[in-house]
PDB file of N, CA and C in Angstrom:
ATOM      1  N   MET A   1     -37.227   9.448   0.906  1.00  0.00           N
ATOM      2  CA  MET A   1     -36.361   8.340   0.552  1.00  0.00           C
ATOM      3  C   MET A   1     -35.626   8.722  -0.717  1.00  0.00           C
ATOM      4  N   LEU A   2     -34.336   8.518  -0.720  1.00  0.00           N
ATOM      5  CA  LEU A   2     -33.518   8.862  -1.881  1.00  0.00           C
ATOM      6  C   LEU A   2     -32.677   7.661  -2.257  1.00  0.00           C
ATOM      7  N   TYR A   3     -32.600   7.383  -3.540  1.00  0.00           N
ATOM      8  CA  TYR A   3     -31.808   6.274  -4.035  1.00  0.00           C
ATOM      9  C   TYR A   3     -30.638   6.813  -4.835  1.00  0.00           C
ATOM     10  N   LEU A   4     -29.440   6.353  -4.531  1.00  0.00           N
ATOM     11  CA  LEU A   4     -28.250   6.678  -5.307  1.00  0.00           C
ATOM     12  C   LEU A   4     -27.802   5.409  -6.015  1.00  0.00           C
ATOM     13  N   TYR A   5     -27.829   5.420  -7.337  1.00  0.00           N
ATOM     14  CA  TYR A   5     -27.465   4.242  -8.093  1.00  0.00           C
ATOM     15  C   TYR A   5     -26.014   4.336  -8.539  1.00  0.00           C
ATOM     16  N   SER A   6     -25.288   3.281  -8.280  1.00  0.00           N
ATOM     17  CA  SER A   6     -23.907   3.206  -8.732  1.00  0.00           C
ATOM     18  C   SER A   6     -23.565   1.732  -8.929  1.00  0.00           C
ATOM     19  N   PHE A   7     -22.898   1.438 -10.022  1.00  0.00           N
ATOM     20  CA  PHE A   7     -22.562   0.056 -10.316  1.00  0.00           C
ATOM     21  C   PHE A   7     -21.241  -0.371  -9.702  1.00  0.00           C
ATOM     22  N   PHE A   8     -20.386   0.597  -9.354  1.00  0.00           N
ATOM     23  CA  PHE A   8     -19.046   0.249  -8.913  1.00  0.00           C
ATOM     24  C   PHE A   8     -18.783   0.569  -7.450  1.00  0.00           C
ATOM     25  N   VAL A   9     -19.818   0.966  -6.716  1.00  0.00           N
ATOM     26  CA  VAL A   9     -19.673   1.271  -5.295  1.00  0.00           C
ATOM     27  C   VAL A   9     -20.596   0.338  -4.517  1.00  0.00           C
ATOM     28  N   ASN A  10     -20.014  -0.373  -3.559  1.00  0.00           N
ATOM     29  CA  ASN A  10     -20.804  -1.262  -2.711  1.00  0.00           C
ATOM     30  C   ASN A  10     -21.007  -0.607  -1.356  1.00  0.00           C
ATOM     31  N   VAL A  11     -22.163  -0.835  -0.775  1.00  0.00           N
ATOM     32  CA  VAL A  11     -22.513  -0.245   0.511  1.00  0.00           C
ATOM     33  C   VAL A  11     -22.842  -1.372   1.479  1.00  0.00           C
ATOM     34  N   LYS A  12     -22.216  -1.311   2.659  1.00  0.00           N
ATOM     35  CA  LYS A  12     -22.505  -2.284   3.701  1.00  0.00           C
ATOM     36  C   LYS A  12     -22.942  -1.527   4.939  1.00  0.00           C
ATOM     37  N   PHE A  13     -24.074  -1.915   5.493  1.00  0.00           N
ATOM     38  CA  PHE A  13     -24.577  -1.298   6.705  1.00  0.00           C
ATOM     39  C   PHE A  13     -23.947  -1.997   7.898  1.00  0.00           C
ATOM     40  N   LEU A  14     -23.097  -1.264   8.642  1.00  0.00           N
ATOM     41  CA  LEU A  14     -22.456  -1.839   9.816  1.00  0.00           C
ATOM     42  C   LEU A  14     -23.403  -1.829  11.008  1.00  0.00           C
ATOM     43  N   THR A  15     -24.055  -0.707  11.227  1.00  0.00           N
ATOM     44  CA  THR A  15     -25.085  -0.594  12.256  1.00  0.00           C
ATOM     45  C   THR A  15     -26.256   0.160  11.638  1.00  0.00           C
ATOM     46  N   LYS A  16     -27.193   0.563  12.474  1.00  0.00           N
ATOM     47  CA  LYS A  16     -28.357   1.289  11.981  1.00  0.00           C
ATOM     48  C   LYS A  16     -27.968   2.657  11.427  1.00  0.00           C
ATOM     49  N   THR A  17     -26.932   3.271  11.992  1.00  0.00           N
ATOM     50  CA  THR A  17     -26.553   4.624  11.595  1.00  0.00           C
ATOM     51  C   THR A  17     -25.166   4.701  10.970  1.00  0.00           C
ATOM     52  N   THR A  18     -24.511   3.572  10.712  1.00  0.00           N
ATOM     53  CA  THR A  18     -23.149   3.572  10.168  1.00  0.00           C
ATOM     54  C   THR A  18     -23.106   2.725   8.905  1.00  0.00           C
ATOM     55  N   ILE A  19     -22.558   3.317   7.842  1.00  0.00           N
ATOM     56  CA  ILE A  19     -22.409   2.565   6.597  1.00  0.00           C
ATOM     57  C   ILE A  19     -20.952   2.582   6.179  1.00  0.00           C
ATOM     58  N   LEU A  20     -20.577   1.604   5.374  1.00  0.00           N
ATOM     59  CA  LEU A  20     -19.240   1.495   4.823  1.00  0.00           C
ATOM     60  C   LEU A  20     -19.382   1.419   3.316  1.00  0.00           C
ATOM     61  N   MET A  21     -18.744   2.363   2.619  1.00  0.00           N
ATOM     62  CA  MET A  21     -18.796   2.382   1.158  1.00  0.00           C
ATOM     63  C   MET A  21     -17.430   1.974   0.630  1.00  0.00           C
ATOM     64  N   PHE A  22     -17.414   1.007  -0.291  1.00  0.00           N
ATOM     65  CA  PHE A  22     -16.141   0.549  -0.838  1.00  0.00           C
ATOM     66  C   PHE A  22     -16.328   0.163  -2.294  1.00  0.00           C
ATOM     67  N   GLY A  23     -15.220   0.166  -3.009  1.00  0.00           N
ATOM     68  CA  GLY A  23     -15.254  -0.166  -4.423  1.00  0.00           C
ATOM     69  C   GLY A  23     -13.866  -0.104  -5.019  1.00  0.00           C
ATOM     70  N   ILE A  24     -13.795  -0.216  -6.333  1.00  0.00           N
ATOM     71  CA  ILE A  24     -12.509  -0.245  -7.024  1.00  0.00           C
ATOM     72  C   ILE A  24     -12.004   1.167  -7.311  1.00  0.00           C
ATOM     73  N   ASN A  25     -12.874   2.038  -7.806  1.00  0.00           N
ATOM     74  CA  ASN A  25     -12.473   3.373  -8.223  1.00  0.00           C
ATOM     75  C   ASN A  25     -12.649   4.354  -7.064  1.00  0.00           C
ATOM     76  N   TYR A  26     -11.568   4.967  -6.625  1.00  0.00           N
ATOM     77  CA  TYR A  26     -11.587   5.877  -5.482  1.00  0.00           C
ATOM     78  C   TYR A  26     -12.380   7.148  -5.791  1.00  0.00           C
ATOM     79  N   ASN A  27     -12.255   7.679  -6.999  1.00  0.00           N
ATOM     80  CA  ASN A  27     -12.970   8.902  -7.364  1.00  0.00           C
ATOM     81  C   ASN A  27     -14.484   8.680  -7.417  1.00  0.00           C
ATOM     82  N   ASP A  28     -14.897   7.518  -7.856  1.00  0.00           N
ATOM     83  CA  ASP A  28     -16.328   7.210  -7.888  1.00  0.00           C
ATOM     84  C   ASP A  28     -16.892   7.107  -6.474  1.00  0.00           C
ATOM     85  N   ILE A  29     -16.122   6.546  -5.552  1.00  0.00           N
ATOM     86  CA  ILE A  29     -16.554   6.462  -4.155  1.00  0.00           C
ATOM     87  C   ILE A  29     -16.677   7.857  -3.557  1.00  0.00           C
ATOM     88  N   LEU A  30     -15.709   8.720  -3.829  1.00  0.00           N
ATOM     89  CA  LEU A  30     -15.763  10.083  -3.298  1.00  0.00           C
ATOM     90  C   LEU A  30     -16.950  10.856  -3.851  1.00  0.00           C
ATOM     91  N   ASN A  31     -17.242  10.703  -5.128  1.00  0.00           N
ATOM     92  CA  ASN A  31     -18.387  11.406  -5.716  1.00  0.00           C
ATOM     93  C   ASN A  31     -19.693  10.963  -5.073  1.00  0.00           C
ATOM     94  N   LYS A  32     -19.837   9.674  -4.826  1.00  0.00           N
ATOM     95  CA  LYS A  32     -21.073   9.175  -4.212  1.00  0.00           C
ATOM     96  C   LYS A  32     -21.175   9.596  -2.751  1.00  0.00           C
ATOM     97  N   THR A  33     -20.060   9.617  -2.027  1.00  0.00           N
ATOM     98  CA  THR A  33     -20.124  10.026  -0.623  1.00  0.00           C
ATOM     99  C   THR A  33     -20.411  11.513  -0.497  1.00  0.00           C
ATOM    100  N   TYR A  34     -19.853  12.335  -1.378  1.00  0.00           N
ATOM    101  CA  TYR A  34     -20.146  13.767  -1.330  1.00  0.00           C
ATOM    102  C   TYR A  34     -21.588  14.059  -1.735  1.00  0.00           C
ATOM    103  N   SER A  35     -22.137  13.300  -2.673  1.00  0.00           N
ATOM    104  CA  SER A  35     -23.541  13.496  -3.010  1.00  0.00           C
ATOM    105  C   SER A  35     -24.445  13.050  -1.864  1.00  0.00           C
ATOM    106  N   LEU A  36     -24.049  12.025  -1.134  1.00  0.00           N
ATOM    107  CA  LEU A  36     -24.784  11.607   0.053  1.00  0.00           C
ATOM    108  C   LEU A  36     -24.640  12.635   1.164  1.00  0.00           C
ATOM    109  N   PHE A  37     -23.469  13.233   1.279  1.00  0.00           N
ATOM    110  CA  PHE A  37     -23.205  14.256   2.285  1.00  0.00           C
ATOM    111  C   PHE A  37     -24.036  15.512   2.030  1.00  0.00           C
ATOM    112  N   ASN A  38     -24.278  15.856   0.773  1.00  0.00           N
ATOM    113  CA  ASN A  38     -25.054  17.048   0.437  1.00  0.00           C
ATOM    114  C   ASN A  38     -26.548  16.879   0.679  1.00  0.00           C
ATOM    115  N   ILE A  39     -27.002  15.658   0.854  1.00  0.00           N
ATOM    116  CA  ILE A  39     -28.420  15.422   1.122  1.00  0.00           C
ATOM    117  C   ILE A  39     -28.787  15.970   2.496  1.00  0.00           C
ATOM    118  N   LYS A  40     -28.004  15.631   3.499  1.00  0.00           N
ATOM    119  CA  LYS A  40     -28.296  16.045   4.874  1.00  0.00           C
ATOM    120  C   LYS A  40     -27.029  16.638   5.468  1.00  0.00           C
ATOM    121  N   LYS A  41     -26.871  17.934   5.328  1.00  0.00           N
ATOM    122  CA  LYS A  41     -25.691  18.602   5.857  1.00  0.00           C
ATOM    123  C   LYS A  41     -25.759  18.686   7.374  1.00  0.00           C
ATOM    124  N   ILE A  42     -24.631  18.924   7.991  1.00  0.00           N
ATOM    125  CA  ILE A  42     -24.546  18.955   9.442  1.00  0.00           C
ATOM    126  C   ILE A  42     -25.153  20.247   9.961  1.00  0.00           C
ATOM    127  N   ASN A  43     -26.058  20.123  10.926  1.00  0.00           N
ATOM    128  CA  ASN A  43     -26.677  21.273  11.559  1.00  0.00           C
ATOM    129  C   ASN A  43     -25.680  21.865  12.552  1.00  0.00           C
ATOM    130  N   ILE A  44     -25.428  23.169  12.477  1.00  0.00           N
ATOM    131  CA  ILE A  44     -24.398  23.778  13.318  1.00  0.00           C
ATOM    132  C   ILE A  44     -24.846  23.920  14.761  1.00  0.00           C
ATOM    133  N   PHE A  45     -26.144  23.841  15.016  1.00  0.00           N
ATOM    134  CA  PHE A  45     -26.633  23.983  16.382  1.00  0.00           C
ATOM    135  C   PHE A  45     -26.738  22.648  17.100  1.00  0.00           C
ATOM    136  N   THR A  46     -27.200  21.598  16.408  1.00  0.00           N
ATOM    137  CA  THR A  46     -27.401  20.306  17.050  1.00  0.00           C
ATOM    138  C   THR A  46     -26.287  19.310  16.763  1.00  0.00           C
ATOM    139  N   GLY A  47     -25.574  19.469  15.654  1.00  0.00           N
ATOM    140  CA  GLY A  47     -24.520  18.525  15.283  1.00  0.00           C
ATOM    141  C   GLY A  47     -25.039  17.306  14.556  1.00  0.00           C
ATOM    142  N   LYS A  48     -26.323  17.267  14.216  1.00  0.00           N
ATOM    143  CA  LYS A  48     -26.892  16.127  13.506  1.00  0.00           C
ATOM    144  C   LYS A  48     -26.675  16.285  12.006  1.00  0.00           C
ATOM    145  N   GLY A  49     -26.582  15.173  11.335  1.00  0.00           N
ATOM    146  CA  GLY A  49     -26.410  15.168   9.894  1.00  0.00           C
ATOM    147  C   GLY A  49     -25.470  14.063   9.481  1.00  0.00           C
ATOM    148  N   ILE A  50     -25.227  13.950   8.200  1.00  0.00           N
ATOM    149  CA  ILE A  50     -24.322  12.932   7.688  1.00  0.00           C
ATOM    150  C   ILE A  50     -22.905  13.466   7.784  1.00  0.00           C
ATOM    151  N   ARG A  51     -22.021  12.673   8.380  1.00  0.00           N
ATOM    152  CA  ARG A  51     -20.623  13.091   8.525  1.00  0.00           C
ATOM    153  C   ARG A  51     -19.711  11.911   8.263  1.00  0.00           C
ATOM    154  N   PHE A  52     -18.483  12.231   7.919  1.00  0.00           N
ATOM    155  CA  PHE A  52     -17.478  11.220   7.672  1.00  0.00           C
ATOM    156  C   PHE A  52     -16.841  10.800   8.990  1.00  0.00           C
ATOM    157  N   SER A  53     -16.187   9.657   8.989  1.00  0.00           N
ATOM    158  CA  SER A  53     -15.546   9.199  10.215  1.00  0.00           C
ATOM    159  C   SER A  53     -14.375  10.121  10.547  1.00  0.00           C
ATOM    160  N   LYS A  54     -14.186  10.363  11.812  1.00  0.00           N
ATOM    161  CA  LYS A  54     -13.120  11.205  12.365  1.00  0.00           C
ATOM    162  C   LYS A  54     -13.203  12.653  11.887  1.00  0.00           C
ATOM    163  N   GLN A  55     -14.392  13.099  11.516  1.00  0.00           N
ATOM    164  CA  GLN A  55     -14.575  14.484  11.093  1.00  0.00           C
ATOM    165  C   GLN A  55     -14.874  15.332  12.320  1.00  0.00           C
ATOM    166  N   ILE A  56     -14.240  16.467  12.428  1.00  0.00           N
ATOM    167  CA  ILE A  56     -14.431  17.348  13.566  1.00  0.00           C
ATOM    168  C   ILE A  56     -15.667  18.201  13.314  1.00  0.00           C
ATOM    169  N   ILE A  57     -16.577  18.204  14.279  1.00  0.00           N
ATOM    170  CA  ILE A  57     -17.817  18.955  14.181  1.00  0.00           C
ATOM    171  C   ILE A  57     -17.766  20.106  15.171  1.00  0.00           C
ATOM    172  N   TYR A  58     -17.917  21.322  14.681  1.00  0.00           N
ATOM    173  CA  TYR A  58     -17.955  22.500  15.541  1.00  0.00           C
ATOM    174  C   TYR A  58     -19.403  22.913  15.720  1.00  0.00           C
ATOM    175  N   LYS A  59     -19.847  22.939  16.973  1.00  0.00           N
ATOM    176  CA  LYS A  59     -21.213  23.349  17.260  1.00  0.00           C
ATOM    177  C   LYS A  59     -21.225  24.818  17.636  1.00  0.00           C
ATOM    178  N   LYS A  60     -22.246  25.505  17.188  1.00  0.00           N
ATOM    179  CA  LYS A  60     -22.416  26.911  17.498  1.00  0.00           C
ATOM    180  C   LYS A  60     -23.117  27.034  18.846  1.00  0.00           C
ATOM    181  N   THR A  61     -22.648  27.941  19.680  1.00  0.00           N
ATOM    182  CA  THR A  61     -23.278  28.121  20.982  1.00  0.00           C
ATOM    183  C   THR A  61     -24.614  28.832  20.812  1.00  0.00           C
ATOM    184  N   GLY A  62     -25.557  28.452  21.642  1.00  0.00           N
ATOM    185  CA  GLY A  62     -26.876  29.050  21.587  1.00  0.00           C
ATOM    186  C   GLY A  62     -26.921  30.354  22.352  1.00  0.00           C
ATOM    187  N   LYS A  63     -28.096  30.959  22.383  1.00  0.00           N
ATOM    188  CA  LYS A  63     -28.268  32.203  23.116  1.00  0.00           C
ATOM    189  C   LYS A  63     -28.275  31.902  24.619  1.00  0.00           C
ATOM    190  N   ILE A  64     -27.585  32.686  25.377  1.00  0.00           N
ATOM    191  CA  ILE A  64     -27.539  32.490  26.820  1.00  0.00           C
ATOM    192  C   ILE A  64     -28.577  33.411  27.452  1.00  0.00           C
ATOM    193  N   SER A  65     -29.417  32.833  28.270  1.00  0.00           N
ATOM    194  CA  SER A  65     -30.478  33.594  28.899  1.00  0.00           C
ATOM    195  C   SER A  65     -29.897  34.539  29.948  1.00  0.00           C
ATOM    196  N   SER A  66     -30.473  35.709  30.065  1.00  0.00           N
ATOM    197  CA  SER A  66     -30.003  36.674  31.049  1.00  0.00           C
ATOM    198  C   SER A  66     -30.650  36.441  32.423  1.00  0.00           C
ATOM    199  N   TYR A  67     -31.537  35.445  32.513  1.00  0.00           N
ATOM    200  CA  TYR A  67     -32.244  35.190  33.764  1.00  0.00           C
ATOM    201  C   TYR A  67     -31.571  34.146  34.626  1.00  0.00           C
ATOM    202  N   ARG A  68     -30.398  33.705  34.303  1.00  0.00           N
ATOM    203  CA  ARG A  68     -29.703  32.709  35.118  1.00  0.00           C
ATOM    204  C   ARG A  68     -29.176  33.303  36.377  1.00  0.00           C
TER     205      ARG A  68
END
């Protein structure tokens, strides 16, 4: 469990896996979202992790078995 404290950024949980961060200062919002993004980076094999809306995720292809 990780807590990010900020006095000028409000967080609203839209669903179980979607949050909305808003506030007055745009730079403060970006700093908090990037620090949240660095907690759980996107896994290149599964595509899981924290991502921004409309962000393009490139998945790496796995090993292809020669027994097919």
